[in-house]
Amino acid sequence: MPYALRYTKTIAAVWDSLPATVSEGLAQALVAVCEDPLGSTEPYGDDDGIMRTLVVGALFAVLYVGHQTRTVHIYQIDYLG
């Protein structure tokens, strides 16, 4: 069963402001994250299995993985393009 994706209105606004190709790449990567959060991301700092990093080209996102609730929360999106 896939994890559910969660994010705030602020994150939604950042995502909406991305160039179309970058936004699409993020969406595709997040589908993979919801299927396999640990296999499709890297640790953020110490590998606690909860705070994760997603890198898609020039885009960097910080994620929180709630294993008990089966949710992935986007905490930060940075685009360096």
Protein backbone atom coordinates (compact mmCIF):
# COMPACT_ATOMS: atom_id res chain seq x y z
CA MET A 1 0.00 0.00 0.00
CA PRO A 2 1.54 3.33 -1.05
CA TYR A 3 2.23 6.16 1.35
CA ALA A 4 -0.01 9.26 1.15
CA LEU A 5 1.62 12.56 0.18
CA ARG A 6 1.04 15.60 2.40
CA TYR A 7 2.17 19.22 2.05
CA THR A 8 1.14 22.71 3.13
CA LYS A 9 -0.28 25.55 1.05
CA THR A 10 3.15 27.18 1.15
CA ILE A 11 4.78 24.09 -0.33
CA ALA A 12 2.01 23.93 -2.95
CA ALA A 13 2.77 27.54 -3.93
CA VAL A 14 6.49 26.77 -4.28
CA TRP A 15 5.72 23.67 -6.34
CA ASP A 16 3.34 25.67 -8.57
CA SER A 17 6.05 28.28 -9.17
CA LEU A 18 8.50 25.73 -10.59
CA PRO A 19 9.09 25.48 -14.35
CA ALA A 20 6.74 22.90 -15.91
CA THR A 21 9.43 20.33 -16.65
CA VAL A 22 10.85 20.58 -13.12
CA SER A 23 7.37 20.33 -11.60
CA GLU A 24 6.61 17.22 -13.66
CA GLY A 25 9.93 15.66 -12.66
CA LEU A 26 9.13 16.31 -9.00
CA ALA A 27 5.68 14.76 -9.39
CA GLN A 28 7.12 11.64 -11.00
CA ALA A 29 9.80 11.33 -8.33
CA LEU A 30 7.21 11.71 -5.56
CA VAL A 31 5.17 8.85 -7.03
CA ALA A 32 8.26 6.68 -6.58
CA VAL A 33 8.74 8.04 -3.04
CA CYS A 34 5.18 7.13 -2.09
CA GLU A 35 5.79 3.59 -3.35
CA ASP A 36 9.22 3.17 -1.70
CA PRO A 37 10.20 6.09 0.56
CA LEU A 38 13.54 4.70 1.70
CA GLY A 39 14.60 3.25 -1.64
CA SER A 40 13.93 6.38 -3.65
CA THR A 41 15.45 8.96 -1.27
CA GLU A 42 18.66 9.60 0.63
CA PRO A 43 19.10 10.22 4.36
CA TYR A 44 18.90 13.82 5.55
CA GLY A 45 21.75 13.98 8.04
CA ASP A 46 21.84 10.88 10.24
CA ASP A 47 20.00 7.95 8.68
CA ASP A 48 17.01 7.67 10.99
CA GLY A 49 14.68 6.44 8.22
CA ILE A 50 12.40 9.41 8.84
CA MET A 51 14.00 12.61 7.54
CA ARG A 52 14.87 12.09 3.88
CA THR A 53 16.28 14.01 0.92
CA LEU A 54 14.95 13.85 -2.62
CA VAL A 55 17.14 15.21 -5.41
CA VAL A 56 15.74 15.62 -8.93
CA GLY A 57 18.24 17.43 -11.13
CA ALA A 58 18.61 20.93 -9.69
CA LEU A 59 15.72 20.41 -7.25
CA PHE A 60 16.23 19.41 -3.62
CA ALA A 61 13.36 18.46 -1.29
CA VAL A 62 13.33 17.57 2.40
CA LEU A 63 10.76 14.96 3.34
CA TYR A 64 9.44 13.47 6.57
CA VAL A 65 8.36 9.83 6.32
CA GLY A 66 5.70 8.71 8.79
CA HIS A 67 5.96 4.94 8.71
CA GLN A 68 3.14 4.29 11.17
CA THR A 69 0.75 6.67 9.41
CA ARG A 70 2.09 5.74 5.96
CA THR A 71 2.52 9.39 4.96
CA VAL A 72 5.24 11.42 3.28
CA HIS A 73 5.31 15.12 4.20
CA ILE A 74 7.16 17.63 2.04
CA TYR A 75 8.86 20.13 4.36
CA GLN A 76 11.03 22.06 1.94
CA ILE A 77 11.57 22.47 -1.79
CA ASP A 78 14.63 24.28 -3.17
CA TYR A 79 15.22 24.77 -6.88
CA LEU A 80 18.67 25.89 -7.96
CA GLY A 81 17.93 26.30 -11.67
